[in-house]
N, C-alpha and C. Protein backbone atom coordinates (compact mmCIF):
# COMPACT_ATOMS: atom_id res chain seq x y z
N MET A 1 0.76 -1.10 0.10
CA MET A 1 -0.21 -0.18 -0.05
C MET A 1 0.84 1.20 -0.03
N ASN A 2 0.41 2.21 -0.37
CA ASN A 2 1.57 3.38 -0.83
C ASN A 2 0.82 4.25 0.21
N ARG A 3 1.96 5.38 0.77
CA ARG A 3 1.38 6.79 1.37
C ARG A 3 -0.06 7.19 1.39
N SER A 4 -0.10 7.34 0.05
CA SER A 4 -1.47 8.36 -0.20
C SER A 4 -2.50 7.50 0.19
N LYS A 5 -2.58 6.00 0.23
CA LYS A 5 -3.62 5.40 0.74
C LYS A 5 -3.55 5.20 2.24
N GLU A 6 -2.44 5.13 2.73
CA GLU A 6 -2.01 5.26 4.32
C GLU A 6 -2.80 6.60 4.94
N ARG A 7 -2.33 7.66 4.20
CA ARG A 7 -3.24 8.94 4.84
C ARG A 7 -4.31 8.95 4.84
N GLU A 8 -4.80 8.27 3.76
CA GLU A 8 -6.21 8.29 3.43
C GLU A 8 -7.14 7.37 4.82
N GLN A 9 -6.36 6.43 4.90
CA GLN A 9 -7.04 5.96 6.08
C GLN A 9 -6.56 6.01 7.43
N ALA A 10 -5.67 7.29 7.79
CA ALA A 10 -5.39 7.87 8.77
C ALA A 10 -6.63 8.69 8.81
N PHE A 11 -6.93 9.53 7.49
CA PHE A 11 -7.90 10.68 7.68
C PHE A 11 -9.10 10.15 8.09
N LEU A 12 -9.75 8.68 7.57
CA LEU A 12 -10.88 8.07 7.28
C LEU A 12 -11.08 7.73 9.36
N ILE A 13 -9.90 7.18 10.14
CA ILE A 13 -9.91 7.35 11.28
C ILE A 13 -10.20 8.65 12.14
N LEU A 14 -9.48 9.43 11.68
CA LEU A 14 -10.00 10.68 12.84
C LEU A 14 -11.06 10.74 12.22
N PHE A 15 -11.92 11.26 11.45
CA PHE A 15 -13.28 10.84 10.79
C PHE A 15 -14.00 10.68 11.66
N MET A 16 -13.80 9.20 12.10
CA MET A 16 -14.69 8.40 12.38
C MET A 16 -14.55 8.96 14.24
N LYS A 17 -13.39 9.12 14.41
CA LYS A 17 -12.99 9.72 15.63
C LYS A 17 -14.05 10.77 16.25
N ASN A 18 -14.49 11.47 15.34
CA ASN A 18 -15.39 13.22 15.28
C ASN A 18 -16.73 12.08 16.08
N TYR A 19 -17.26 11.13 15.48
CA TYR A 19 -18.79 10.59 15.99
C TYR A 19 -18.49 9.33 16.83
N ASN A 20 -17.13 9.27 17.05
CA ASN A 20 -17.13 8.29 18.31
C ASN A 20 -16.04 8.51 19.20
N PRO A 21 -15.97 9.45 20.23
CA PRO A 21 -15.20 10.16 20.84
C PRO A 21 -15.06 9.50 21.95
N GLU A 22 -15.51 8.50 22.34
CA GLU A 22 -15.63 7.51 23.42
C GLU A 22 -14.27 6.05 23.11
N LEU A 23 -14.10 6.13 21.74
CA LEU A 23 -13.04 5.20 21.25
C LEU A 23 -12.09 5.70 20.79
N SER A 24 -10.56 4.87 21.33
CA SER A 24 -9.89 5.42 20.88
C SER A 24 -9.15 4.93 19.54
N ILE A 25 -8.18 6.02 19.16
CA ILE A 25 -7.77 5.52 17.93
C ILE A 25 -7.37 4.10 17.70
N ASP A 26 -6.84 3.71 18.75
CA ASP A 26 -6.42 2.15 18.88
C ASP A 26 -7.68 0.92 18.52
N GLU A 27 -8.54 1.44 19.27
CA GLU A 27 -10.01 0.79 18.96
C GLU A 27 -10.81 0.89 17.68
N LEU A 28 -10.49 2.10 16.94
CA LEU A 28 -10.87 2.41 15.84
C LEU A 28 -10.44 1.79 14.77
N TYR A 29 -8.99 1.78 14.94
CA TYR A 29 -8.12 1.27 14.16
C TYR A 29 -8.15 -0.17 13.77
N GLU A 30 -8.26 -0.99 14.90
CA GLU A 30 -8.24 -2.20 15.26
C GLU A 30 -9.64 -2.53 14.57
N MET A 31 -10.89 -2.30 14.89
CA MET A 31 -11.84 -2.28 14.10
C MET A 31 -12.31 -2.21 12.86
N ALA A 32 -11.72 -1.23 12.37
CA ALA A 32 -11.82 -1.24 10.88
C ALA A 32 -10.65 -1.83 10.21
N VAL A 33 -9.63 -2.49 10.66
CA VAL A 33 -8.86 -3.36 10.02
C VAL A 33 -9.41 -4.86 10.49
N GLU A 34 -10.13 -5.35 11.42
CA GLU A 34 -10.96 -6.62 11.59
C GLU A 34 -12.22 -6.57 10.64
N SER A 35 -12.68 -5.31 10.68
CA SER A 35 -13.71 -5.49 9.52
C SER A 35 -13.46 -5.46 8.09
N GLU A 36 -12.20 -5.55 7.97
CA GLU A 36 -11.45 -5.12 6.53
C GLU A 36 -12.10 -4.14 5.49
N PHE A 37 -12.24 -2.65 6.36
CA PHE A 37 -12.64 -1.74 5.86
C PHE A 37 -11.30 -1.14 5.75
N MET A 38 -10.33 -1.04 6.16
CA MET A 38 -8.97 -0.74 6.09
C MET A 38 -7.83 -1.96 6.21
N LYS A 39 -6.68 -1.72 5.50
CA LYS A 39 -5.28 -2.54 5.74
C LYS A 39 -4.27 -2.45 6.84
N ASN A 40 -3.92 -3.34 7.27
CA ASN A 40 -3.22 -2.96 8.52
C ASN A 40 -2.21 -1.93 8.10
N SER A 41 -1.62 -0.93 8.84
CA SER A 41 -0.59 0.21 8.21
C SER A 41 0.08 0.53 9.53
N ASP A 42 1.05 0.45 9.74
CA ASP A 42 2.02 1.17 10.77
C ASP A 42 1.68 2.77 10.87
N PHE A 43 1.94 3.31 9.48
CA PHE A 43 2.33 4.41 9.17
C PHE A 43 0.67 5.06 9.64
N THR A 44 -0.31 4.51 8.93
CA THR A 44 -1.74 4.80 9.18
C THR A 44 -2.00 5.24 10.74
N LYS A 45 -1.70 4.05 11.31
CA LYS A 45 -2.03 3.97 12.78
C LYS A 45 -0.95 5.00 13.85
N LYS A 46 0.21 4.88 13.08
CA LYS A 46 1.26 6.41 13.80
C LYS A 46 0.59 7.84 13.66
N LEU A 47 0.26 7.97 12.33
CA LEU A 47 -0.26 9.17 11.85
C LEU A 47 -1.50 9.48 12.64
N ALA A 48 -2.37 8.81 12.78
CA ALA A 48 -3.47 8.60 13.45
C ALA A 48 -3.25 9.18 14.96
N GLU A 49 -2.47 8.31 15.58
CA GLU A 49 -2.17 8.56 16.95
C GLU A 49 -1.69 9.73 17.36
N LEU A 50 -0.54 10.07 16.47
CA LEU A 50 0.38 11.16 16.68
C LEU A 50 -0.47 12.61 16.46
N THR A 51 -1.67 12.45 15.59
CA THR A 51 -2.60 13.70 15.49
C THR A 51 -3.42 14.02 16.66
N VAL A 52 -4.41 12.92 17.23
CA VAL A 52 -4.74 13.10 18.39
C VAL A 52 -3.91 13.30 19.75
N GLU A 53 -2.66 12.86 19.70
CA GLU A 53 -1.97 13.29 20.66
C GLU A 53 -1.29 14.56 20.64
N LYS A 54 -1.03 15.47 19.51
CA LYS A 54 -1.20 16.64 19.60
C LYS A 54 -2.20 17.41 19.01
N ILE A 55 -3.36 17.28 18.96
CA ILE A 55 -4.61 17.80 18.45
C ILE A 55 -4.57 19.12 19.09
N GLY A 56 -3.95 19.64 20.39
CA GLY A 56 -4.14 20.69 20.73
C GLY A 56 -3.33 22.06 20.11
N ASP A 57 -1.81 21.74 19.92
CA ASP A 57 -1.28 22.14 19.38
C ASP A 57 -1.57 22.50 17.66
N ILE A 58 -2.05 21.50 17.34
CA ILE A 58 -2.10 21.04 15.51
C ILE A 58 -3.54 22.42 15.76
N ASP A 59 -4.77 22.12 16.62
CA ASP A 59 -5.68 23.01 16.25
C ASP A 59 -5.04 24.41 16.35
N THR A 60 -4.37 24.71 17.54
CA THR A 60 -4.06 25.79 18.13
C THR A 60 -3.53 26.62 16.46
N LYS A 61 -2.23 25.85 15.51
CA LYS A 61 -2.05 26.39 14.57
C LYS A 61 -2.99 26.52 13.13
N ILE A 62 -3.93 25.49 13.11
CA ILE A 62 -5.26 26.05 12.29
C ILE A 62 -5.86 26.96 12.37
N SER A 63 -6.15 27.28 13.73
CA SER A 63 -7.10 28.66 13.85
C SER A 63 -6.33 29.68 13.75
N GLU A 64 -4.87 30.05 14.28
CA GLU A 64 -4.05 31.10 13.89
C GLU A 64 -4.04 31.18 12.21
N PHE A 65 -4.40 30.53 11.28
CA PHE A 65 -4.06 30.32 9.85
C PHE A 65 -5.34 30.58 8.95
N SER A 66 -6.08 30.09 9.92
CA SER A 66 -7.94 30.25 9.12
C SER A 66 -8.48 31.27 9.27
N VAL A 67 -8.00 32.27 8.41
CA VAL A 67 -8.76 33.76 9.32
C VAL A 67 -10.27 33.65 8.72
N GLY A 68 -10.59 34.21 9.89
CA GLY A 68 -12.40 34.91 9.79
C GLY A 68 -13.10 32.83 9.91
N TRP A 69 -12.07 31.93 10.19
CA TRP A 69 -12.91 30.80 10.72
C TRP A 69 -12.46 30.46 12.05
N THR A 70 -13.63 29.61 12.56
CA THR A 70 -13.15 28.93 14.16
C THR A 70 -13.19 27.64 13.80
N ILE A 71 -12.50 26.72 14.58
CA ILE A 71 -13.03 25.13 14.49
C ILE A 71 -13.99 25.01 13.93
N ASP A 72 -14.28 25.44 14.94
CA ASP A 72 -15.99 24.81 15.05
C ASP A 72 -17.25 24.98 13.50
N ARG A 73 -16.14 26.37 12.84
CA ARG A 73 -17.14 26.58 11.43
C ARG A 73 -16.54 25.71 10.52
N ILE A 74 -15.53 24.88 10.73
CA ILE A 74 -14.84 24.21 9.50
C ILE A 74 -15.81 22.64 9.45
N THR A 75 -15.63 22.27 8.44
CA THR A 75 -16.67 20.87 8.20
C THR A 75 -15.52 19.61 8.81
N LYS A 76 -16.04 18.98 9.12
CA LYS A 76 -15.37 17.58 9.94
C LYS A 76 -14.68 17.19 9.02
N VAL A 77 -15.10 17.18 7.86
CA VAL A 77 -14.07 16.38 6.82
C VAL A 77 -13.00 17.37 6.45
N SER A 78 -12.84 18.43 6.57
CA SER A 78 -11.82 19.43 5.95
C SER A 78 -11.31 19.54 7.17
N LEU A 79 -11.57 19.80 8.57
CA LEU A 79 -10.86 19.59 9.70
C LEU A 79 -10.01 18.55 9.68
N SER A 80 -10.36 17.15 9.67
CA SER A 80 -9.45 15.96 9.82
C SER A 80 -8.66 15.87 8.74
N ILE A 81 -8.95 16.51 7.56
CA ILE A 81 -7.72 16.24 6.48
C ILE A 81 -6.67 17.33 6.94
N LEU A 82 -7.02 18.96 7.51
CA LEU A 82 -6.29 19.96 8.21
C LEU A 82 -5.51 19.25 9.14
N ARG A 83 -5.96 18.58 10.05
CA ARG A 83 -5.33 18.02 11.25
C ARG A 83 -4.43 17.16 10.55
N ILE A 84 -4.78 16.19 9.68
CA ILE A 84 -3.45 15.25 9.33
C ILE A 84 -2.28 16.03 8.98
N ALA A 85 -2.54 16.88 7.87
CA ALA A 85 -1.47 17.42 7.30
C ALA A 85 -0.65 18.20 8.14
N VAL A 86 -0.87 19.17 9.30
CA VAL A 86 -0.83 19.98 10.22
C VAL A 86 0.29 19.19 10.73
N CYS A 87 -0.32 18.18 11.40
CA CYS A 87 0.85 17.23 12.01
C CYS A 87 1.70 16.54 11.42
N GLU A 88 1.42 15.99 10.15
CA GLU A 88 2.94 15.75 9.20
C GLU A 88 3.71 17.01 9.27
N MET A 89 3.31 18.02 9.33
CA MET A 89 3.89 19.59 8.80
C MET A 89 5.17 19.80 10.14
N LEU A 90 4.22 19.55 11.25
CA LEU A 90 4.68 20.03 12.36
C LEU A 90 5.57 18.85 12.88
N PHE A 91 5.44 17.35 13.11
CA PHE A 91 6.27 16.45 13.91
C PHE A 91 6.21 15.38 12.94
N MET A 92 6.61 15.46 11.86
CA MET A 92 6.97 14.25 10.73
C MET A 92 8.11 15.14 10.14
N ASP A 93 9.29 15.37 10.53
CA ASP A 93 10.23 15.54 9.60
C ASP A 93 10.73 15.19 8.40
N ASP A 94 10.41 13.95 8.41
CA ASP A 94 10.76 12.85 7.16
C ASP A 94 10.05 13.19 6.07
N ILE A 95 8.73 13.91 6.38
CA ILE A 95 7.95 14.20 5.01
C ILE A 95 7.95 15.62 4.95
N PRO A 96 7.82 15.96 3.36
CA PRO A 96 8.16 17.81 2.63
C PRO A 96 6.71 17.92 3.06
N VAL A 97 7.23 19.05 3.43
CA VAL A 97 5.82 19.78 3.61
C VAL A 97 4.84 19.96 2.61
N GLY A 98 5.50 20.15 1.43
CA GLY A 98 4.92 20.42 -0.12
C GLY A 98 4.28 19.15 -0.01
N VAL A 99 4.66 17.67 -0.01
CA VAL A 99 3.79 16.20 0.16
C VAL A 99 2.69 16.88 0.99
N SER A 100 2.81 16.89 1.94
CA SER A 100 1.71 16.55 3.20
C SER A 100 0.46 17.94 2.50
N ILE A 101 1.10 19.04 2.00
CA ILE A 101 -0.09 19.87 1.77
C ILE A 101 -0.86 19.19 0.01
N ASN A 102 -0.21 18.90 -0.86
CA ASN A 102 -0.39 17.98 -1.98
C ASN A 102 -1.28 17.00 -1.38
N GLU A 103 -1.02 16.30 -0.72
CA GLU A 103 -1.97 14.87 0.03
C GLU A 103 -3.10 15.39 0.13
N ALA A 104 -3.21 16.74 1.13
CA ALA A 104 -4.44 17.00 1.77
C ALA A 104 -5.43 17.71 0.93
N VAL A 105 -4.83 18.28 0.13
CA VAL A 105 -5.59 19.01 -1.10
C VAL A 105 -6.44 17.80 -1.99
N GLU A 106 -5.25 16.58 -2.30
CA GLU A 106 -5.61 15.73 -3.24
C GLU A 106 -7.01 14.99 -2.67
N LEU A 107 -6.62 14.72 -0.85
CA LEU A 107 -8.29 14.27 -0.23
C LEU A 107 -9.36 14.92 -0.03
N SER A 108 -9.02 16.38 -0.01
CA SER A 108 -10.26 17.31 -0.16
C SER A 108 -11.07 16.90 -1.59
N LYS A 109 -10.35 16.84 -2.44
CA LYS A 109 -11.09 16.53 -4.01
C LYS A 109 -11.89 15.24 -3.92
N ASN A 110 -11.46 14.28 -3.06
CA ASN A 110 -11.99 12.92 -3.10
C ASN A 110 -13.22 13.26 -2.14
N TYR A 111 -13.17 13.92 -1.08
CA TYR A 111 -14.07 13.72 -0.10
C TYR A 111 -14.95 15.14 0.33
N ALA A 112 -14.70 15.82 0.19
CA ALA A 112 -15.21 17.16 0.37
C ALA A 112 -15.35 18.05 -1.00
N GLY A 113 -15.70 19.70 -1.07
CA GLY A 113 -15.99 20.27 -2.01
C GLY A 113 -14.80 20.92 -2.84
N THR A 114 -15.06 21.65 -3.76
CA THR A 114 -14.36 22.38 -4.59
C THR A 114 -13.76 23.48 -3.78
N GLU A 115 -14.49 24.17 -3.06
CA GLU A 115 -14.56 25.23 -2.21
C GLU A 115 -13.55 24.83 -0.64
N ASP A 116 -13.93 23.87 -0.50
CA ASP A 116 -12.89 23.36 0.60
C ASP A 116 -11.41 22.68 0.42
N SER A 117 -11.04 22.75 -0.79
CA SER A 117 -10.01 22.36 -1.53
C SER A 117 -9.11 23.59 -1.56
N GLN A 118 -9.70 24.62 -1.99
CA GLN A 118 -9.23 25.73 -2.14
C GLN A 118 -8.97 26.56 -0.45
N PHE A 119 -9.64 26.10 0.79
CA PHE A 119 -9.64 26.60 1.98
C PHE A 119 -8.67 25.91 2.28
N ILE A 120 -8.48 24.39 2.23
CA ILE A 120 -7.26 23.65 2.79
C ILE A 120 -5.87 23.99 2.24
N ASN A 121 -5.83 24.24 1.02
CA ASN A 121 -4.97 24.47 0.18
C ASN A 121 -4.32 26.18 0.73
N GLY A 122 -5.40 26.89 0.86
CA GLY A 122 -5.06 28.44 1.69
C GLY A 122 -4.25 28.33 3.30
N VAL A 123 -4.82 27.58 4.04
CA VAL A 123 -4.50 27.65 5.40
C VAL A 123 -2.76 26.64 5.46
N LEU A 124 -2.73 25.78 4.62
CA LEU A 124 -1.79 24.80 4.48
C LEU A 124 -0.97 25.56 4.11
N GLY A 125 -0.82 26.33 3.07
CA GLY A 125 0.36 26.99 2.38
C GLY A 125 0.60 28.13 3.42
N SER A 126 -0.34 28.99 3.91
CA SER A 126 0.03 30.12 5.05
C SER A 126 0.80 29.28 6.16
N ILE A 127 0.53 28.03 6.58
CA ILE A 127 1.31 27.80 7.79
C ILE A 127 2.82 26.91 7.33
N SER A 128 2.76 26.72 6.27
CA SER A 128 4.10 26.42 5.64
C SER A 128 5.03 27.37 5.45
N LYS A 129 4.66 28.57 4.96
CA LYS A 129 5.46 29.70 4.91
C LYS A 129 5.77 30.50 6.51
N SER A 130 5.23 30.15 7.54
CA SER A 130 5.35 30.55 8.78
C SER A 130 6.71 28.88 9.58
N LEU A 131 6.48 28.25 8.95
CA LEU A 131 7.57 27.71 9.25
C LEU A 131 8.99 27.60 8.84
């Protein structure tokens, strides 16, 4: 499985977490793999867990650069995509920032609307310039 698919799986785990806050990332991941909804991937699990672990720092950064938008106004799909990308940008030095942005935009094209893609690209572009 390639990295893009692993990122997509991490995004789906985070999205599911929005509707199952009582479940841990580990529990959501295990259920998805057991039901064959997802394939086993160390990267997927690591990215989803790290994102939840650092969610405070990640949401602060998103809030700082999503001018005119609060976290509560961002759709759950876009927010999950942003969180994955910002996690990579801030805490995964082995992944180039441009790759994180491109992958997030591609995810948004598949799961969100055109305006969401532009919003995500703008927020991540601004964050990348600040790094």
